Amino acid sequence: MVSERPAAVRPGGSASTGAGTDTGAGDVGEGVPAGFHAAARAELAALPVAVAPRLLGALLAVEVAGERVVARLTEVEAYHGRDTGDLPDPGSHARMGRTARNATMWGEPGHLYVYLSHGIHSCVNVVCGPEGVAGGVLLRAAEIVEGADVAEVRRRAARSTRDLARGPGRLGEALGLRYPAHDGIDAVTGREHAGAVARLLLRDEPEPERNIATGPRVGVAGVAGTAAFPWRFWIAGDPTVSPFRWGRGAADAAAATD
């Protein structure tokens, strides 16, 4: 399945969402393509495992220093925190509680939790769940639908346009989001943050369930990286989806449960 490609979209704008209606979405601008709408906090307030598939096919538009890139999300992973939902998540940054590093995960839904992976890669998550309850959805892969020329400059190592945002570190680099500067940026209001603006646009009609595949999370250690946590969601057959790999000890943990 190949989703219909959206028209160009700007992160900022001046068109009102409607007098007398507080959607939490702010001004979305005239560039929002048909079939999409600015995400409201209420749409992101459920637990991450419930919100994650809703993000497939959504657009994340980011403008940094006047350079705009728009990504269509094709692969995501849900992460809960300690005391988030009924099942503790040993693979989450929030598994041991709140720290200075992961504090954004406890904030309002719709902010972006940006963290550093392996000391190199800035990875991007959409904070989900009620404020005060830790949770996020990692954006693992996307198709760059606008600003590919900008993304190519940032991702000179990419072998093809398919690879520009194929993996969470690549996605963050292509969008121009960096830790720690952009951690906490609000993708609902589109408020400027450290020289960047981000807007999350959801599909009016969610990606059909028949097009969504699920499975263990990529590279997560131990039981958290097995089918006990089938919290990776992707658009089946999309060429931008990243390859699966077991995390440390995850294959053994999976075999032990067979």
Protein backbone atom coordinates (compact mmCIF):
# COMPACT_ATOMS: atom_id res chain seq x y z
CA MET A 1 0.00 0.00 0.00
CA VAL A 2 1.28 3.44 -0.86
CA SER A 3 -0.56 6.31 0.80
CA GLU A 4 -1.61 9.29 -1.27
CA ARG A 5 1.09 11.93 -1.05
CA PRO A 6 0.08 15.17 0.68
CA ALA A 7 0.55 18.62 -0.76
CA ALA A 8 3.15 21.01 0.60
CA VAL A 9 2.63 22.27 4.13
CA ARG A 10 4.20 25.00 6.24
CA PRO A 11 4.79 24.54 9.97
CA GLY A 12 3.50 28.02 10.74
CA GLY A 13 0.60 30.08 9.45
CA SER A 14 -2.09 32.56 10.26
CA ALA A 15 -5.44 30.94 9.54
CA SER A 16 -7.62 30.46 12.62
CA THR A 17 -8.90 27.06 13.71
CA GLY A 18 -12.30 28.56 14.34
CA ALA A 19 -13.75 31.13 16.71
CA GLY A 20 -15.02 29.83 20.00
CA THR A 21 -13.39 26.39 19.66
CA ASP A 22 -10.37 25.56 21.82
CA THR A 23 -8.77 22.59 20.08
CA GLY A 24 -5.34 23.11 21.61
CA ALA A 25 -3.98 23.19 18.09
CA GLY A 26 -3.30 26.90 17.61
CA ASP A 27 -3.23 28.42 14.13
CA VAL A 28 -2.61 25.85 11.43
CA GLY A 29 -2.18 28.05 8.38
CA GLU A 30 -3.49 27.67 4.86
CA GLY A 31 -0.81 25.14 3.94
CA VAL A 32 -2.45 22.20 5.71
CA PRO A 33 -3.16 19.68 2.93
CA ALA A 34 -6.56 18.15 2.31
CA GLY A 35 -7.15 15.09 4.46
CA PHE A 36 -5.09 16.38 7.40
CA HIS A 37 -5.63 18.55 10.45
CA ALA A 38 -3.46 20.04 13.17
CA ALA A 39 -3.12 17.60 16.06
CA ALA A 40 -4.92 18.54 19.27
CA ARG A 41 -3.64 17.49 22.68
CA ALA A 42 -6.78 15.47 23.34
CA GLU A 43 -5.92 13.24 20.36
CA LEU A 44 -2.56 12.42 21.95
CA ALA A 45 -3.74 11.99 25.54
CA ALA A 46 -4.28 8.21 25.46
CA LEU A 47 -1.51 5.78 26.39
CA PRO A 48 1.31 5.63 23.83
CA VAL A 49 0.45 2.11 22.66
CA ALA A 50 -2.99 3.40 21.66
CA VAL A 51 -1.75 6.61 20.04
CA ALA A 52 1.16 5.06 18.11
CA PRO A 53 -0.80 3.57 15.18
CA ARG A 54 -2.72 6.85 14.87
CA LEU A 55 0.56 8.58 14.01
CA LEU A 56 1.19 6.42 10.94
CA GLY A 57 0.71 8.48 7.81
CA ALA A 58 0.75 11.69 9.85
CA LEU A 59 2.96 14.61 8.85
CA LEU A 60 5.62 16.23 10.99
CA ALA A 61 6.58 19.61 9.54
CA VAL A 62 9.72 21.21 10.95
CA GLU A 63 11.33 24.54 10.11
CA VAL A 64 14.80 25.29 11.43
CA ALA A 65 16.54 28.56 10.58
CA GLY A 66 14.14 29.09 7.68
CA GLU A 67 14.67 25.64 6.16
CA ARG A 68 11.58 23.45 6.06
CA VAL A 69 11.28 19.66 5.90
CA VAL A 70 8.06 17.66 6.05
CA ALA A 71 8.05 13.95 6.90
CA ARG A 72 5.26 11.41 6.45
CA LEU A 73 5.58 8.98 9.36
CA THR A 74 5.83 5.32 8.35
CA GLU A 75 7.20 3.55 11.45
CA VAL A 76 6.79 4.27 15.17
CA GLU A 77 7.29 2.58 18.55
CA ALA A 78 5.37 3.09 21.79
CA TYR A 79 7.14 3.46 25.15
CA HIS A 80 5.43 3.66 28.52
CA GLY A 81 6.91 4.71 31.84
CA ARG A 82 6.91 3.45 35.38
CA ASP A 83 3.26 3.21 36.50
CA THR A 84 2.05 3.95 32.96
CA GLY A 85 -0.75 1.56 32.08
CA ASP A 86 -1.08 -2.00 33.35
CA LEU A 87 2.23 -3.36 32.03
CA PRO A 88 5.57 -1.96 33.25
CA ASP A 89 7.85 -1.21 30.29
CA PRO A 90 11.46 -2.25 30.99
CA GLY A 91 12.54 -0.82 27.63
CA SER A 92 11.55 2.77 28.37
CA HIS A 93 13.76 5.68 29.39
CA ALA A 94 11.12 6.35 32.05
CA ARG A 95 11.24 2.87 33.60
CA MET A 96 13.15 4.09 36.68
CA GLY A 97 11.24 7.32 37.14
CA ARG A 98 11.75 10.96 36.30
CA THR A 99 15.20 12.45 35.69
CA ALA A 100 16.51 15.66 34.16
CA ARG A 101 17.13 13.78 30.92
CA ASN A 102 13.66 12.28 30.47
CA ALA A 103 11.52 14.96 32.15
CA THR A 104 9.82 15.92 28.87
CA MET A 105 8.10 12.51 28.84
CA TRP A 106 5.99 13.66 31.81
CA GLY A 107 4.84 16.84 30.10
CA GLU A 108 1.84 17.81 28.01
CA PRO A 109 1.05 15.51 25.10
CA GLY A 110 2.20 16.88 21.77
CA HIS A 111 5.60 18.11 22.88
CA LEU A 112 8.61 16.37 21.35
CA TYR A 113 10.98 14.44 23.57
CA VAL A 114 14.36 14.65 21.83
CA TYR A 115 17.20 12.58 23.26
CA LEU A 116 20.72 11.59 22.28
CA SER A 117 21.36 7.98 21.27
CA HIS A 118 24.87 6.50 21.43
CA GLY A 119 26.18 10.00 22.05
CA ILE A 120 25.61 10.89 18.39
CA HIS A 121 22.03 10.64 17.10
CA SER A 122 19.18 12.96 18.08
CA CYS A 123 16.00 10.85 18.19
CA VAL A 124 12.48 12.28 18.26
CA ASN A 125 9.43 11.11 20.21
CA VAL A 126 5.91 12.52 20.43
CA VAL A 127 4.92 12.77 24.10
CA CYS A 128 1.61 10.94 24.66
CA GLY A 129 -0.69 10.27 27.59
CA PRO A 130 -2.09 12.53 30.31
CA GLU A 131 0.24 15.23 31.58
CA GLY A 132 2.17 13.90 34.56
CA VAL A 133 2.18 10.31 33.25
CA ALA A 134 5.32 9.36 31.34
CA GLY A 135 4.98 8.13 27.79
CA GLY A 136 6.11 8.71 24.25
CA VAL A 137 6.07 7.39 20.71
CA LEU A 138 9.46 7.11 19.02
CA LEU A 139 9.42 8.20 15.38
CA ARG A 140 11.47 5.46 13.75
CA ALA A 141 11.09 6.18 10.04
CA ALA A 142 9.46 8.49 7.55
CA GLU A 143 9.22 9.50 3.93
CA ILE A 144 10.43 13.04 3.25
CA VAL A 145 7.58 14.59 1.25
CA GLU A 146 8.86 18.17 1.22
CA GLY A 147 12.31 19.66 1.62
CA ALA A 148 14.23 16.63 0.37
CA ASP A 149 16.96 18.95 -0.89
CA VAL A 150 17.43 20.31 2.63
CA ALA A 151 17.38 16.80 4.13
CA GLU A 152 19.95 15.61 1.60
CA VAL A 153 22.39 18.31 2.73
CA ARG A 154 21.91 17.23 6.34
CA ARG A 155 22.10 13.54 5.44
CA ARG A 156 24.97 13.39 2.96
CA ALA A 157 25.58 9.75 3.83
CA ALA A 158 22.13 8.73 2.55
CA ARG A 159 22.37 6.45 -0.47
CA SER A 160 18.88 7.28 -1.75
CA THR A 161 15.87 9.43 -0.92
CA ARG A 162 14.34 6.33 0.68
CA ASP A 163 17.12 6.35 3.27
CA LEU A 164 16.87 10.02 4.26
CA ALA A 165 14.73 9.29 7.34
CA ARG A 166 14.91 5.48 7.51
CA GLY A 167 15.76 5.01 11.18
CA PRO A 168 15.27 7.27 14.21
CA GLY A 169 18.69 8.93 14.15
CA ARG A 170 18.41 9.60 10.43
CA LEU A 171 14.90 11.00 10.90
CA GLY A 172 16.04 13.46 13.55
CA GLU A 173 18.98 14.55 11.42
CA ALA A 174 16.85 14.99 8.29
CA LEU A 175 14.35 17.14 10.18
CA GLY A 176 17.09 19.25 11.76
CA LEU A 177 15.99 18.57 15.34
CA ARG A 178 18.86 18.39 17.83
CA TYR A 179 19.36 17.42 21.46
CA PRO A 180 19.38 19.27 23.80
CA ALA A 181 18.31 22.44 21.98
CA HIS A 182 14.98 21.15 20.67
CA ASP A 183 13.95 18.82 23.48
CA GLY A 184 10.46 19.88 24.58
CA ILE A 185 9.46 21.73 21.40
CA ASP A 186 5.67 21.93 21.09
CA ALA A 187 4.34 20.31 17.90
CA VAL A 188 0.74 21.24 18.73
CA THR A 189 0.96 25.02 19.10
CA GLY A 190 3.89 25.43 16.72
CA ARG A 191 5.55 27.82 19.14
CA GLU A 192 9.13 28.71 18.24
CA HIS A 193 11.73 26.87 20.32
CA ALA A 194 15.48 27.42 19.95
CA GLY A 195 15.09 28.63 16.38
CA ALA A 196 12.78 25.80 15.32
CA VAL A 197 9.06 25.37 14.73
CA ALA A 198 7.37 21.95 14.58
CA ARG A 199 3.78 21.04 13.66
CA LEU A 200 2.16 17.62 13.84
CA LEU A 201 -0.66 17.05 11.34
CA LEU A 202 -2.83 13.97 11.71
CA ARG A 203 -4.80 12.24 8.98
CA ASP A 204 -8.52 12.96 9.08
CA GLU A 205 -9.02 9.25 8.38
CA PRO A 206 -6.45 7.08 10.20
CA GLU A 207 -4.31 4.63 8.28
CA PRO A 208 -6.52 1.55 7.72
CA GLU A 209 -5.78 -1.27 10.14
CA ARG A 210 -5.26 -3.68 7.26
CA ASN A 211 -2.21 -1.64 6.22
CA ILE A 212 -0.59 -1.62 9.67
CA ALA A 213 1.91 -4.26 10.78
CA THR A 214 3.03 -4.77 14.38
CA GLY A 215 5.89 -6.53 16.10
CA PRO A 216 8.69 -6.30 18.68
CA ARG A 217 10.58 -3.05 19.03
CA VAL A 218 13.92 -2.66 17.26
CA GLY A 219 17.17 -3.01 19.17
CA VAL A 220 15.53 -3.09 22.61
CA ALA A 221 17.27 -5.32 25.15
CA GLY A 222 15.79 -8.33 26.92
CA VAL A 223 12.12 -9.16 27.17
CA ALA A 224 11.23 -5.55 26.31
CA GLY A 225 12.46 -6.28 22.78
CA THR A 226 10.30 -9.37 22.27
CA ALA A 227 6.74 -10.10 21.22
CA ALA A 228 5.72 -9.54 24.85
CA PHE A 229 5.83 -5.87 23.80
CA PRO A 230 4.53 -5.78 20.20
CA TRP A 231 4.63 -1.99 20.31
CA ARG A 232 6.33 -1.30 17.00
CA PHE A 233 3.88 -0.22 14.30
CA TRP A 234 4.65 0.37 10.64
CA ILE A 235 2.95 0.79 7.28
CA ALA A 236 3.30 -2.64 5.70
CA GLY A 237 5.32 -2.64 2.51
CA ASP A 238 6.49 0.96 2.77
CA PRO A 239 10.08 1.16 1.49
CA THR A 240 11.15 3.73 4.09
CA VAL A 241 10.53 1.39 7.06
CA SER A 242 13.75 0.43 8.85
CA PRO A 243 14.93 -3.19 9.14
CA PHE A 244 14.35 -5.17 12.32
CA ARG A 245 17.23 -6.24 14.55
CA TRP A 246 17.22 -7.88 17.96
CA GLY A 247 18.43 -5.97 20.99
CA ARG A 248 20.93 -7.39 23.47
CA GLY A 249 19.51 -10.62 24.92
CA ALA A 250 16.14 -10.16 23.23
CA ALA A 251 16.44 -13.14 20.89
CA ASP A 252 17.31 -15.41 23.83
CA ALA A 253 14.43 -13.98 25.86
CA ALA A 254 12.07 -14.61 22.95
CA ALA A 255 13.30 -18.19 22.54
CA ALA A 256 12.81 -18.85 26.24
CA THR A 257 9.13 -18.01 25.97
CA ASP A 258 8.46 -20.21 22.91
